[in-house]
Amino acid sequence: MVYDYKCNACEHVKEIEQKITDDPYINVQCPKCGKMALNRTISLSNFILKGSGWFKDGYSSKPKQKNNE
């Protein structure tokens, strides 16, 4: 997995590859300003649910009632 790390001092962002089971690095040295302030941030994901039965397709909506006339 590739994680984004952002410097709290200069706001420089660096991508670091880690195993998903690895603990995040805390206060790593920033390659731009040299301060020990690089920390992992929450970044966007490309996770997409495909197929029927998900929220996009009405999974969370109430079932449609049939009209028995």
N, C-alpha and C. Protein backbone atom coordinates (compact mmCIF):
# COMPACT_ATOMS: atom_id res chain seq x y z
N MET A 1 0.84 -1.18 0.00
CA MET A 1 0.00 0.00 0.00
C MET A 1 0.89 1.24 0.00
N VAL A 2 0.39 2.27 -0.61
CA VAL A 2 1.09 3.55 -0.64
C VAL A 2 0.29 4.52 0.23
N TYR A 3 0.97 5.12 1.21
CA TYR A 3 0.34 6.06 2.12
C TYR A 3 0.93 7.45 1.93
N ASP A 4 0.10 8.46 2.14
CA ASP A 4 0.54 9.85 2.09
C ASP A 4 1.00 10.27 3.47
N TYR A 5 2.17 10.90 3.52
CA TYR A 5 2.69 11.48 4.76
C TYR A 5 2.85 12.97 4.52
N LYS A 6 2.39 13.77 5.47
CA LYS A 6 2.43 15.23 5.33
C LYS A 6 3.23 15.82 6.48
N CYS A 7 4.08 16.79 6.15
CA CYS A 7 4.88 17.46 7.16
C CYS A 7 4.02 18.51 7.86
N ASN A 8 4.02 18.46 9.18
CA ASN A 8 3.26 19.45 9.96
C ASN A 8 3.93 20.82 9.96
N ALA A 9 5.20 20.88 9.59
CA ALA A 9 5.93 22.15 9.59
C ALA A 9 5.80 22.89 8.25
N CYS A 10 6.11 22.19 7.13
CA CYS A 10 6.11 22.87 5.82
C CYS A 10 5.01 22.39 4.88
N GLU A 11 4.20 21.42 5.30
CA GLU A 11 3.08 20.86 4.54
C GLU A 11 3.51 20.09 3.29
N HIS A 12 4.78 19.70 3.21
CA HIS A 12 5.25 18.85 2.11
C HIS A 12 4.59 17.48 2.22
N VAL A 13 4.16 16.90 1.09
CA VAL A 13 3.52 15.59 1.08
C VAL A 13 4.43 14.60 0.37
N LYS A 14 4.61 13.44 0.97
CA LYS A 14 5.45 12.39 0.42
C LYS A 14 4.69 11.08 0.49
N GLU A 15 4.79 10.28 -0.58
CA GLU A 15 4.19 8.95 -0.58
C GLU A 15 5.22 7.94 -0.09
N ILE A 16 4.80 7.07 0.83
CA ILE A 16 5.68 6.03 1.36
C ILE A 16 4.96 4.69 1.23
N GLU A 17 5.66 3.70 0.66
CA GLU A 17 5.09 2.37 0.49
C GLU A 17 5.33 1.56 1.77
N GLN A 18 4.25 0.96 2.28
CA GLN A 18 4.31 0.16 3.50
C GLN A 18 3.36 -1.03 3.36
N LYS A 19 3.60 -2.06 4.17
CA LYS A 19 2.65 -3.15 4.26
C LYS A 19 1.43 -2.64 5.02
N ILE A 20 0.28 -3.20 4.73
CA ILE A 20 -0.94 -2.78 5.40
C ILE A 20 -0.88 -3.10 6.90
N THR A 21 -0.08 -4.09 7.27
CA THR A 21 0.04 -4.49 8.68
C THR A 21 1.08 -3.67 9.44
N ASP A 22 1.88 -2.85 8.74
CA ASP A 22 2.90 -2.03 9.40
C ASP A 22 2.25 -0.89 10.17
N ASP A 23 2.83 -0.55 11.31
CA ASP A 23 2.39 0.63 12.05
C ASP A 23 2.80 1.88 11.28
N PRO A 24 1.99 2.94 11.35
CA PRO A 24 2.37 4.17 10.66
C PRO A 24 3.62 4.79 11.28
N TYR A 25 4.43 5.42 10.43
CA TYR A 25 5.59 6.14 10.95
C TYR A 25 5.10 7.39 11.66
N ILE A 26 5.72 7.73 12.77
CA ILE A 26 5.33 8.92 13.53
C ILE A 26 6.53 9.85 13.64
N ASN A 27 6.32 11.11 13.28
CA ASN A 27 7.36 12.14 13.33
C ASN A 27 8.64 11.71 12.61
N VAL A 28 8.49 11.40 11.33
CA VAL A 28 9.62 11.05 10.47
C VAL A 28 10.22 12.34 9.94
N GLN A 29 11.51 12.31 9.59
CA GLN A 29 12.18 13.50 9.08
C GLN A 29 11.66 13.85 7.69
N CYS A 30 11.27 15.09 7.52
CA CYS A 30 10.77 15.59 6.24
C CYS A 30 11.94 15.77 5.28
N PRO A 31 11.81 15.27 4.04
CA PRO A 31 12.90 15.43 3.09
C PRO A 31 13.06 16.86 2.58
N LYS A 32 12.03 17.69 2.76
CA LYS A 32 12.09 19.07 2.27
C LYS A 32 12.68 20.03 3.30
N CYS A 33 12.14 20.03 4.53
CA CYS A 33 12.60 21.00 5.53
C CYS A 33 13.51 20.39 6.59
N GLY A 34 13.57 19.06 6.66
CA GLY A 34 14.46 18.39 7.60
C GLY A 34 13.93 18.24 9.02
N LYS A 35 12.72 18.77 9.29
CA LYS A 35 12.16 18.67 10.65
C LYS A 35 11.53 17.29 10.84
N MET A 36 11.48 16.84 12.07
CA MET A 36 10.87 15.56 12.42
C MET A 36 9.36 15.75 12.58
N ALA A 37 8.66 16.00 11.48
CA ALA A 37 7.25 16.36 11.56
C ALA A 37 6.41 15.69 10.48
N LEU A 38 6.92 14.64 9.85
CA LEU A 38 6.19 13.95 8.78
C LEU A 38 5.30 12.89 9.41
N ASN A 39 3.99 12.96 9.19
CA ASN A 39 3.03 12.02 9.75
C ASN A 39 2.03 11.57 8.69
N ARG A 40 1.53 10.34 8.85
CA ARG A 40 0.59 9.79 7.88
C ARG A 40 -0.73 10.53 7.93
N THR A 41 -1.30 10.78 6.76
CA THR A 41 -2.58 11.48 6.66
C THR A 41 -3.62 10.55 6.06
N ILE A 42 -4.86 10.95 6.19
CA ILE A 42 -5.95 10.22 5.55
C ILE A 42 -6.07 10.77 4.14
N SER A 43 -6.06 9.86 3.17
CA SER A 43 -6.13 10.29 1.78
C SER A 43 -7.31 9.63 1.09
N LEU A 44 -7.62 10.10 -0.09
CA LEU A 44 -8.74 9.56 -0.86
C LEU A 44 -8.46 8.13 -1.28
N SER A 45 -9.51 7.40 -1.49
CA SER A 45 -9.40 6.00 -1.90
C SER A 45 -10.04 5.83 -3.27
N ASN A 46 -9.64 4.79 -3.97
CA ASN A 46 -10.27 4.49 -5.25
C ASN A 46 -11.18 3.28 -5.12
N PHE A 47 -11.66 3.01 -3.91
CA PHE A 47 -12.55 1.90 -3.63
C PHE A 47 -13.93 2.17 -4.20
N ILE A 48 -14.40 1.27 -5.07
CA ILE A 48 -15.70 1.45 -5.72
C ILE A 48 -16.49 0.16 -5.58
N LEU A 49 -17.73 0.27 -5.11
CA LEU A 49 -18.61 -0.89 -5.04
C LEU A 49 -19.29 -1.07 -6.39
N LYS A 50 -19.17 -2.26 -6.95
CA LYS A 50 -19.78 -2.53 -8.25
C LYS A 50 -20.80 -3.65 -8.11
N GLY A 51 -21.78 -3.63 -8.97
CA GLY A 51 -22.79 -4.67 -8.97
C GLY A 51 -24.08 -4.18 -8.33
N SER A 52 -25.09 -5.02 -8.37
CA SER A 52 -26.38 -4.62 -7.81
C SER A 52 -26.39 -4.86 -6.31
N GLY A 53 -27.31 -4.24 -5.64
CA GLY A 53 -27.47 -4.44 -4.21
C GLY A 53 -26.75 -3.46 -3.34
N TRP A 54 -26.12 -2.45 -3.88
CA TRP A 54 -25.42 -1.46 -3.08
C TRP A 54 -26.23 -0.19 -3.03
N PHE A 55 -25.84 0.74 -2.20
CA PHE A 55 -26.57 1.99 -1.99
C PHE A 55 -26.89 2.68 -3.30
N LYS A 56 -25.93 2.71 -4.21
CA LYS A 56 -26.12 3.38 -5.50
C LYS A 56 -27.32 2.80 -6.25
N ASP A 57 -27.57 1.51 -6.06
CA ASP A 57 -28.65 0.83 -6.77
C ASP A 57 -29.93 0.71 -5.95
N GLY A 58 -29.98 1.38 -4.82
CA GLY A 58 -31.19 1.38 -4.02
C GLY A 58 -31.20 0.37 -2.89
N TYR A 59 -30.07 -0.12 -2.49
CA TYR A 59 -30.00 -1.10 -1.40
C TYR A 59 -30.60 -0.56 -0.11
N SER A 60 -30.38 0.72 0.15
CA SER A 60 -30.85 1.28 1.42
C SER A 60 -32.28 1.79 1.35
N SER A 61 -32.88 1.80 0.17
CA SER A 61 -34.25 2.32 0.05
C SER A 61 -35.25 1.24 0.47
N LYS A 62 -36.42 1.68 0.80
CA LYS A 62 -37.48 0.75 1.20
C LYS A 62 -37.91 -0.07 -0.01
N PRO A 63 -38.31 -1.33 0.21
CA PRO A 63 -38.78 -2.15 -0.91
C PRO A 63 -40.01 -1.53 -1.56
N LYS A 64 -40.08 -1.63 -2.85
CA LYS A 64 -41.22 -1.09 -3.58
C LYS A 64 -42.43 -2.02 -3.36
N GLN A 65 -43.56 -1.40 -3.06
CA GLN A 65 -44.77 -2.18 -2.84
C GLN A 65 -45.51 -2.36 -4.16
N LYS A 66 -46.03 -3.58 -4.36
CA LYS A 66 -46.79 -3.86 -5.58
C LYS A 66 -48.22 -3.37 -5.37
N ASN A 67 -48.79 -2.89 -6.43
CA ASN A 67 -50.17 -2.36 -6.41
C ASN A 67 -51.10 -3.51 -6.73
N ASN A 68 -51.91 -3.99 -5.75
CA ASN A 68 -52.84 -5.12 -5.97
C ASN A 68 -54.24 -4.60 -6.23
N GLU A 69 -54.46 -4.10 -7.41
CA GLU A 69 -55.80 -3.56 -7.74
C GLU A 69 -56.57 -4.52 -8.55
